[in-house]
N, C-alpha and C. Protein backbone atom coordinates (compact mmCIF):
# COMPACT_ATOMS: atom_id res chain seq x y z
N MET A 1 -7.79 5.62 15.95
CA MET A 1 -6.82 6.27 15.10
C MET A 1 -5.59 6.63 15.93
N ARG A 2 -4.45 6.43 15.32
CA ARG A 2 -3.18 6.80 15.96
C ARG A 2 -2.69 8.08 15.31
N THR A 3 -2.47 9.11 16.12
CA THR A 3 -1.98 10.39 15.61
C THR A 3 -0.53 10.57 16.04
N PHE A 4 0.29 10.92 15.07
CA PHE A 4 1.71 11.18 15.31
C PHE A 4 1.95 12.67 15.17
N ALA A 5 2.78 13.24 16.05
CA ALA A 5 3.06 14.67 16.04
C ALA A 5 3.88 15.07 14.82
N ASN A 6 4.68 14.12 14.31
CA ASN A 6 5.55 14.41 13.16
C ASN A 6 6.05 13.10 12.57
N VAL A 7 6.82 13.19 11.50
CA VAL A 7 7.30 11.97 10.84
C VAL A 7 8.35 11.24 11.67
N GLN A 8 9.03 11.97 12.56
CA GLN A 8 10.00 11.29 13.42
C GLN A 8 9.29 10.33 14.38
N GLU A 9 8.15 10.74 14.91
CA GLU A 9 7.35 9.84 15.75
C GLU A 9 6.85 8.65 14.94
N LEU A 10 6.45 8.92 13.71
CA LEU A 10 6.00 7.84 12.83
C LEU A 10 7.13 6.84 12.60
N LYS A 11 8.31 7.36 12.34
CA LYS A 11 9.47 6.50 12.09
C LYS A 11 9.76 5.61 13.31
N ALA A 12 9.57 6.14 14.50
CA ALA A 12 9.80 5.36 15.72
C ALA A 12 8.77 4.25 15.90
N ALA A 13 7.67 4.32 15.15
CA ALA A 13 6.59 3.34 15.28
C ALA A 13 6.70 2.17 14.30
N VAL A 14 7.79 2.09 13.55
CA VAL A 14 7.95 0.98 12.61
C VAL A 14 7.80 -0.34 13.37
N GLY A 15 7.01 -1.22 12.81
CA GLY A 15 6.73 -2.51 13.43
C GLY A 15 5.39 -2.54 14.16
N GLU A 16 4.80 -1.38 14.40
CA GLU A 16 3.52 -1.32 15.11
C GLU A 16 2.36 -1.64 14.18
N LYS A 17 1.29 -2.16 14.79
CA LYS A 17 0.06 -2.48 14.07
C LYS A 17 -1.01 -1.46 14.45
N PHE A 18 -1.89 -1.17 13.50
CA PHE A 18 -2.94 -0.19 13.69
C PHE A 18 -4.28 -0.78 13.26
N GLY A 19 -5.31 -0.45 14.00
CA GLY A 19 -6.64 -0.88 13.62
C GLY A 19 -7.15 -2.02 14.45
N PRO A 20 -8.24 -2.55 14.05
CA PRO A 20 -8.90 -2.36 12.76
C PRO A 20 -9.80 -1.12 12.72
N THR A 21 -10.22 -0.79 11.51
CA THR A 21 -11.15 0.31 11.29
C THR A 21 -12.56 -0.14 11.66
N GLU A 22 -13.49 0.76 11.51
CA GLU A 22 -14.90 0.41 11.65
C GLU A 22 -15.32 -0.42 10.43
N TRP A 23 -16.34 -1.24 10.61
CA TRP A 23 -16.89 -2.01 9.49
C TRP A 23 -17.63 -1.08 8.54
N GLN A 24 -17.55 -1.36 7.25
CA GLN A 24 -18.37 -0.66 6.27
C GLN A 24 -18.91 -1.66 5.27
N THR A 25 -20.12 -1.43 4.82
CA THR A 25 -20.79 -2.33 3.89
C THR A 25 -20.49 -1.92 2.45
N VAL A 26 -20.16 -2.89 1.63
CA VAL A 26 -19.95 -2.67 0.20
C VAL A 26 -21.31 -2.83 -0.49
N THR A 27 -21.74 -1.80 -1.20
CA THR A 27 -23.07 -1.80 -1.80
C THR A 27 -23.03 -2.01 -3.31
N GLN A 28 -24.16 -2.42 -3.84
CA GLN A 28 -24.27 -2.57 -5.29
C GLN A 28 -24.13 -1.22 -5.98
N ASP A 29 -24.63 -0.16 -5.35
CA ASP A 29 -24.46 1.18 -5.93
C ASP A 29 -22.98 1.53 -6.08
N GLN A 30 -22.18 1.24 -5.06
CA GLN A 30 -20.73 1.48 -5.17
C GLN A 30 -20.14 0.71 -6.34
N VAL A 31 -20.50 -0.55 -6.44
CA VAL A 31 -19.97 -1.41 -7.50
C VAL A 31 -20.38 -0.87 -8.87
N ASN A 32 -21.64 -0.48 -9.01
CA ASN A 32 -22.12 0.05 -10.30
C ASN A 32 -21.42 1.34 -10.67
N LEU A 33 -21.23 2.22 -9.70
CA LEU A 33 -20.52 3.48 -9.98
C LEU A 33 -19.07 3.21 -10.37
N PHE A 34 -18.43 2.27 -9.70
CA PHE A 34 -17.06 1.91 -10.04
C PHE A 34 -17.01 1.33 -11.46
N ALA A 35 -17.97 0.48 -11.78
CA ALA A 35 -18.04 -0.10 -13.13
C ALA A 35 -18.17 1.01 -14.18
N ASP A 36 -19.00 2.00 -13.90
CA ASP A 36 -19.15 3.12 -14.84
C ASP A 36 -17.86 3.91 -14.97
N ALA A 37 -17.18 4.14 -13.85
CA ALA A 37 -15.95 4.93 -13.87
C ALA A 37 -14.82 4.22 -14.60
N THR A 38 -14.78 2.90 -14.51
CA THR A 38 -13.66 2.14 -15.08
C THR A 38 -14.02 1.40 -16.37
N HIS A 39 -15.28 1.46 -16.75
CA HIS A 39 -15.78 0.76 -17.95
C HIS A 39 -15.62 -0.75 -17.82
N ASP A 40 -15.66 -1.25 -16.60
CA ASP A 40 -15.59 -2.69 -16.34
C ASP A 40 -16.97 -3.15 -15.87
N HIS A 41 -17.79 -3.54 -16.83
CA HIS A 41 -19.16 -3.94 -16.54
C HIS A 41 -19.33 -5.46 -16.62
N GLN A 42 -18.31 -6.20 -16.23
CA GLN A 42 -18.41 -7.65 -16.25
C GLN A 42 -19.60 -8.08 -15.40
N TRP A 43 -20.32 -9.07 -15.86
CA TRP A 43 -21.57 -9.49 -15.24
C TRP A 43 -21.42 -9.91 -13.78
N ILE A 44 -20.26 -10.43 -13.39
CA ILE A 44 -20.10 -10.85 -11.99
C ILE A 44 -20.15 -9.66 -11.03
N HIS A 45 -20.03 -8.46 -11.58
CA HIS A 45 -20.08 -7.25 -10.77
C HIS A 45 -21.43 -6.54 -10.83
N VAL A 46 -22.04 -6.51 -12.01
CA VAL A 46 -23.20 -5.62 -12.21
C VAL A 46 -24.52 -6.31 -12.54
N ASP A 47 -24.50 -7.55 -12.96
CA ASP A 47 -25.73 -8.24 -13.33
C ASP A 47 -26.20 -9.10 -12.15
N VAL A 48 -27.05 -8.52 -11.32
CA VAL A 48 -27.48 -9.15 -10.07
C VAL A 48 -28.16 -10.50 -10.33
N ASP A 49 -29.03 -10.55 -11.31
CA ASP A 49 -29.77 -11.80 -11.58
C ASP A 49 -28.84 -12.89 -12.10
N ARG A 50 -28.01 -12.58 -13.07
CA ARG A 50 -27.10 -13.59 -13.63
C ARG A 50 -26.08 -14.03 -12.59
N ALA A 51 -25.60 -13.09 -11.78
CA ALA A 51 -24.57 -13.41 -10.78
C ALA A 51 -25.09 -14.38 -9.72
N LYS A 52 -26.40 -14.39 -9.47
CA LYS A 52 -26.96 -15.35 -8.51
C LYS A 52 -26.68 -16.79 -8.93
N GLU A 53 -26.58 -17.02 -10.22
CA GLU A 53 -26.31 -18.36 -10.75
C GLU A 53 -24.82 -18.58 -11.02
N GLY A 54 -24.02 -17.56 -10.78
CA GLY A 54 -22.59 -17.62 -11.06
C GLY A 54 -21.78 -18.26 -9.94
N PRO A 55 -20.47 -18.23 -10.09
CA PRO A 55 -19.58 -18.94 -9.17
C PRO A 55 -19.55 -18.36 -7.75
N PHE A 56 -20.04 -17.12 -7.56
CA PHE A 56 -19.96 -16.49 -6.25
C PHE A 56 -21.33 -16.38 -5.57
N GLY A 57 -22.38 -16.80 -6.26
CA GLY A 57 -23.72 -16.76 -5.69
C GLY A 57 -24.32 -15.38 -5.60
N GLY A 58 -23.70 -14.42 -6.22
CA GLY A 58 -24.16 -13.03 -6.24
C GLY A 58 -23.07 -12.15 -6.80
N THR A 59 -23.37 -10.87 -6.90
CA THR A 59 -22.36 -9.95 -7.43
C THR A 59 -21.24 -9.75 -6.42
N ILE A 60 -20.08 -9.43 -6.95
CA ILE A 60 -18.90 -9.17 -6.12
C ILE A 60 -18.30 -7.82 -6.51
N ALA A 61 -17.61 -7.22 -5.57
CA ALA A 61 -16.91 -5.96 -5.84
C ALA A 61 -15.70 -6.24 -6.72
N HIS A 62 -15.37 -5.30 -7.57
CA HIS A 62 -14.14 -5.36 -8.33
C HIS A 62 -12.96 -5.39 -7.35
N GLY A 63 -11.92 -6.12 -7.68
CA GLY A 63 -10.72 -6.09 -6.84
C GLY A 63 -10.18 -4.67 -6.71
N TYR A 64 -10.19 -3.94 -7.83
CA TYR A 64 -9.67 -2.58 -7.78
C TYR A 64 -10.58 -1.64 -7.00
N LEU A 65 -11.86 -1.94 -6.93
CA LEU A 65 -12.74 -1.17 -6.05
C LEU A 65 -12.31 -1.38 -4.60
N THR A 66 -12.11 -2.63 -4.23
CA THR A 66 -11.65 -2.94 -2.87
C THR A 66 -10.35 -2.19 -2.59
N LEU A 67 -9.42 -2.25 -3.53
CA LEU A 67 -8.15 -1.54 -3.37
C LEU A 67 -8.36 -0.03 -3.24
N SER A 68 -9.31 0.51 -3.99
CA SER A 68 -9.53 1.96 -3.97
C SER A 68 -10.10 2.46 -2.65
N LEU A 69 -10.59 1.56 -1.82
CA LEU A 69 -11.10 1.95 -0.50
C LEU A 69 -9.98 2.16 0.52
N LEU A 70 -8.76 1.72 0.17
CA LEU A 70 -7.66 1.83 1.12
C LEU A 70 -7.38 3.24 1.63
N PRO A 71 -7.36 4.26 0.78
CA PRO A 71 -7.08 5.59 1.33
C PRO A 71 -8.06 6.01 2.43
N SER A 72 -9.34 5.81 2.21
CA SER A 72 -10.30 6.21 3.25
C SER A 72 -10.14 5.35 4.50
N LEU A 73 -9.84 4.08 4.32
CA LEU A 73 -9.62 3.21 5.48
C LEU A 73 -8.35 3.61 6.24
N MET A 74 -7.30 3.97 5.51
CA MET A 74 -6.05 4.38 6.16
C MET A 74 -6.24 5.64 6.99
N PHE A 75 -7.13 6.54 6.53
CA PHE A 75 -7.39 7.76 7.29
C PHE A 75 -8.01 7.46 8.65
N GLU A 76 -8.62 6.28 8.79
CA GLU A 76 -9.16 5.86 10.09
C GLU A 76 -8.06 5.29 11.00
N LEU A 77 -6.90 4.98 10.44
CA LEU A 77 -5.85 4.30 11.20
C LEU A 77 -4.73 5.22 11.65
N VAL A 78 -4.23 6.05 10.74
CA VAL A 78 -3.00 6.81 11.00
C VAL A 78 -3.16 8.25 10.53
N LYS A 79 -2.71 9.17 11.37
CA LYS A 79 -2.65 10.59 11.01
C LYS A 79 -1.29 11.11 11.43
N VAL A 80 -0.65 11.86 10.54
CA VAL A 80 0.65 12.46 10.85
C VAL A 80 0.51 13.97 10.78
N ASP A 81 0.77 14.63 11.91
CA ASP A 81 0.76 16.09 11.96
C ASP A 81 2.14 16.62 11.58
N GLY A 82 2.23 17.91 11.39
CA GLY A 82 3.51 18.54 11.10
C GLY A 82 4.01 18.28 9.69
N ILE A 83 3.09 17.99 8.77
CA ILE A 83 3.49 17.75 7.38
C ILE A 83 2.77 18.74 6.47
N ALA A 84 3.38 19.01 5.33
CA ALA A 84 2.74 19.86 4.33
C ALA A 84 1.70 19.06 3.55
N MET A 85 2.03 17.78 3.30
CA MET A 85 1.10 16.91 2.59
C MET A 85 1.56 15.47 2.66
N ALA A 86 0.62 14.60 2.39
CA ALA A 86 0.90 13.17 2.25
C ALA A 86 0.50 12.79 0.82
N VAL A 87 1.41 12.12 0.12
CA VAL A 87 1.20 11.81 -1.29
C VAL A 87 1.22 10.30 -1.49
N ASN A 88 0.22 9.80 -2.22
CA ASN A 88 0.21 8.40 -2.62
C ASN A 88 1.40 8.16 -3.54
N PHE A 89 2.31 7.30 -3.13
CA PHE A 89 3.52 7.04 -3.90
C PHE A 89 3.44 5.72 -4.67
N GLY A 90 2.40 4.93 -4.40
CA GLY A 90 2.22 3.69 -5.14
C GLY A 90 2.07 2.49 -4.22
N LEU A 91 2.30 1.34 -4.81
CA LEU A 91 2.14 0.06 -4.12
C LEU A 91 3.31 -0.84 -4.46
N ASN A 92 3.73 -1.64 -3.50
CA ASN A 92 4.75 -2.65 -3.79
C ASN A 92 4.11 -3.97 -4.19
N LYS A 93 3.18 -4.44 -3.42
CA LYS A 93 2.54 -5.72 -3.67
C LYS A 93 1.05 -5.58 -3.40
N VAL A 94 0.25 -6.23 -4.25
CA VAL A 94 -1.20 -6.26 -4.05
C VAL A 94 -1.69 -7.66 -4.37
N ARG A 95 -2.51 -8.20 -3.49
CA ARG A 95 -3.14 -9.50 -3.73
C ARG A 95 -4.60 -9.41 -3.33
N PHE A 96 -5.44 -10.19 -4.01
CA PHE A 96 -6.87 -10.28 -3.72
C PHE A 96 -7.21 -11.73 -3.42
N PRO A 97 -6.92 -12.21 -2.19
CA PRO A 97 -7.13 -13.62 -1.87
C PRO A 97 -8.59 -14.06 -1.90
N ARG A 98 -9.53 -13.14 -1.66
CA ARG A 98 -10.95 -13.52 -1.61
C ARG A 98 -11.78 -12.37 -2.15
N PRO A 99 -12.75 -12.64 -3.04
CA PRO A 99 -13.61 -11.56 -3.52
C PRO A 99 -14.57 -11.08 -2.43
N VAL A 100 -14.97 -9.82 -2.56
CA VAL A 100 -15.91 -9.23 -1.60
C VAL A 100 -17.32 -9.30 -2.18
N PRO A 101 -18.19 -10.10 -1.57
CA PRO A 101 -19.58 -10.14 -2.04
C PRO A 101 -20.28 -8.81 -1.76
N VAL A 102 -21.11 -8.38 -2.70
CA VAL A 102 -21.90 -7.17 -2.46
C VAL A 102 -22.78 -7.43 -1.24
N GLY A 103 -22.81 -6.46 -0.35
CA GLY A 103 -23.56 -6.58 0.89
C GLY A 103 -22.70 -6.99 2.07
N ALA A 104 -21.47 -7.45 1.79
CA ALA A 104 -20.55 -7.85 2.86
C ALA A 104 -20.01 -6.61 3.56
N ARG A 105 -19.57 -6.81 4.79
CA ARG A 105 -18.92 -5.75 5.54
C ARG A 105 -17.42 -6.01 5.56
N ILE A 106 -16.67 -4.93 5.36
CA ILE A 106 -15.21 -5.02 5.35
C ILE A 106 -14.64 -4.03 6.36
N ARG A 107 -13.41 -4.30 6.76
CA ARG A 107 -12.64 -3.37 7.58
C ARG A 107 -11.18 -3.62 7.29
N ALA A 108 -10.33 -2.72 7.78
CA ALA A 108 -8.90 -2.82 7.48
C ALA A 108 -8.06 -2.66 8.73
N ALA A 109 -6.88 -3.22 8.65
CA ALA A 109 -5.85 -3.04 9.67
C ALA A 109 -4.53 -2.84 8.93
N GLY A 110 -3.58 -2.22 9.60
CA GLY A 110 -2.30 -1.95 8.97
C GLY A 110 -1.13 -2.22 9.89
N GLU A 111 0.01 -2.42 9.27
CA GLU A 111 1.27 -2.57 10.00
C GLU A 111 2.32 -1.72 9.32
N LEU A 112 2.91 -0.82 10.08
CA LEU A 112 3.95 0.06 9.54
C LEU A 112 5.25 -0.73 9.44
N SER A 113 5.71 -0.97 8.22
CA SER A 113 6.90 -1.80 8.07
C SER A 113 8.17 -1.00 7.77
N ASP A 114 8.03 0.26 7.34
CA ASP A 114 9.24 1.03 7.03
C ASP A 114 8.91 2.51 6.92
N VAL A 115 9.85 3.35 7.32
CA VAL A 115 9.82 4.79 7.06
C VAL A 115 11.26 5.19 6.81
N LYS A 116 11.50 5.70 5.61
CA LYS A 116 12.87 6.11 5.30
C LYS A 116 12.88 7.51 4.69
N GLY A 117 13.94 8.24 5.03
CA GLY A 117 14.10 9.58 4.50
C GLY A 117 14.51 9.55 3.04
N THR A 118 13.96 10.47 2.27
CA THR A 118 14.31 10.64 0.86
C THR A 118 14.48 12.14 0.62
N PRO A 119 15.05 12.54 -0.51
CA PRO A 119 15.16 13.98 -0.78
C PRO A 119 13.80 14.70 -0.81
N ALA A 120 12.73 13.97 -1.13
CA ALA A 120 11.40 14.59 -1.23
C ALA A 120 10.63 14.57 0.08
N GLY A 121 11.06 13.75 1.05
CA GLY A 121 10.33 13.62 2.30
C GLY A 121 10.58 12.26 2.92
N TYR A 122 9.59 11.73 3.60
CA TYR A 122 9.72 10.43 4.26
C TYR A 122 8.77 9.44 3.60
N LEU A 123 9.35 8.37 3.09
CA LEU A 123 8.57 7.36 2.39
C LEU A 123 8.23 6.24 3.36
N SER A 124 6.94 6.04 3.60
CA SER A 124 6.50 5.00 4.52
C SER A 124 5.90 3.83 3.75
N THR A 125 6.04 2.65 4.31
CA THR A 125 5.42 1.45 3.77
C THR A 125 4.47 0.91 4.83
N LEU A 126 3.21 0.82 4.48
CA LEU A 126 2.18 0.35 5.39
C LEU A 126 1.53 -0.88 4.77
N LYS A 127 1.69 -2.03 5.42
CA LYS A 127 1.05 -3.25 4.93
C LYS A 127 -0.40 -3.24 5.40
N MET A 128 -1.30 -3.13 4.44
CA MET A 128 -2.73 -3.05 4.74
C MET A 128 -3.41 -4.37 4.42
N THR A 129 -4.32 -4.76 5.29
CA THR A 129 -5.13 -5.96 5.08
C THR A 129 -6.59 -5.58 5.21
N ILE A 130 -7.36 -5.87 4.16
CA ILE A 130 -8.81 -5.66 4.21
C ILE A 130 -9.45 -7.02 4.44
N GLU A 131 -10.21 -7.11 5.51
CA GLU A 131 -10.86 -8.38 5.82
C GLU A 131 -12.36 -8.26 5.59
N ILE A 132 -12.98 -9.42 5.39
CA ILE A 132 -14.42 -9.52 5.20
C ILE A 132 -15.00 -10.14 6.46
N GLU A 133 -16.03 -9.54 6.98
CA GLU A 133 -16.66 -10.06 8.20
C GLU A 133 -17.07 -11.52 8.00
N GLY A 134 -16.64 -12.37 8.92
CA GLY A 134 -17.01 -13.77 8.90
C GLY A 134 -16.18 -14.65 7.98
N GLU A 135 -15.18 -14.08 7.32
CA GLU A 135 -14.33 -14.86 6.40
C GLU A 135 -12.94 -15.01 6.98
N ARG A 136 -12.35 -16.14 6.71
CA ARG A 136 -11.00 -16.42 7.20
C ARG A 136 -9.94 -15.72 6.33
N ARG A 137 -10.13 -15.76 5.02
CA ARG A 137 -9.15 -15.15 4.11
C ARG A 137 -9.45 -13.67 3.89
N ALA A 138 -8.40 -12.90 3.74
CA ALA A 138 -8.54 -11.46 3.49
C ALA A 138 -9.06 -11.20 2.09
N ALA A 139 -9.68 -10.04 1.93
CA ALA A 139 -10.13 -9.60 0.61
C ALA A 139 -8.97 -8.99 -0.18
N CYS A 140 -8.11 -8.27 0.53
CA CYS A 140 -7.00 -7.58 -0.13
C CYS A 140 -5.85 -7.42 0.86
N VAL A 141 -4.65 -7.65 0.37
CA VAL A 141 -3.44 -7.38 1.13
C VAL A 141 -2.54 -6.56 0.21
N ALA A 142 -2.10 -5.40 0.70
CA ALA A 142 -1.31 -4.50 -0.14
C ALA A 142 -0.28 -3.76 0.68
N GLU A 143 0.89 -3.56 0.10
CA GLU A 143 1.91 -2.69 0.69
C GLU A 143 1.73 -1.32 0.06
N VAL A 144 1.28 -0.38 0.87
CA VAL A 144 0.96 0.96 0.41
C VAL A 144 2.12 1.90 0.74
N LEU A 145 2.55 2.66 -0.24
CA LEU A 145 3.64 3.62 -0.07
C LEU A 145 3.06 5.03 0.02
N ILE A 146 3.41 5.73 1.09
CA ILE A 146 2.95 7.11 1.27
C ILE A 146 4.17 7.98 1.52
N LEU A 147 4.27 9.05 0.76
CA LEU A 147 5.35 10.01 0.94
C LEU A 147 4.83 11.17 1.80
N TYR A 148 5.44 11.33 2.96
CA TYR A 148 5.09 12.43 3.86
C TYR A 148 6.09 13.56 3.63
N VAL A 149 5.58 14.71 3.23
CA VAL A 149 6.41 15.88 2.98
C VAL A 149 6.31 16.78 4.20
N PRO A 150 7.41 16.97 4.94
CA PRO A 150 7.36 17.79 6.16
C PRO A 150 7.01 19.23 5.85
N ALA A 151 6.33 19.88 6.78
CA ALA A 151 6.03 21.31 6.64
C ALA A 151 7.33 22.09 6.81
N GLU A 152 7.45 23.15 6.11
CA GLU A 152 8.67 23.98 6.19
C GLU A 152 8.71 24.79 7.44
């Protein structure tokens, strides 16, 4: 993890890469809970027996589940001190080049591409890539926007 004393130090790090994080396994329980939370019970995610005969040879994580893991993964990469809060400001681009099979291990890396001052604080853009162990193509690539509000 890279810790910055303040947003000015973060701004000076534009262009730097962070990570990767530790590997974590995507479980069927995670997928089932996500399906319940989002009401997306498509068989490729939750029907283990049917999915064995499907196009992926087993169940896969929802793309949005993979995306939802980004905040916890980012906390392993970057920490900024001297702020009142960090707020999820949204995403610029999101792609899911490869599905994540249940049971696969994933990890993330990031590249800080921008930090700019705004009236509300400092808006950072972090290009995050979630990779799957043993796979050439990434599971998810996203430009994550985080607003850092300096402490008063």
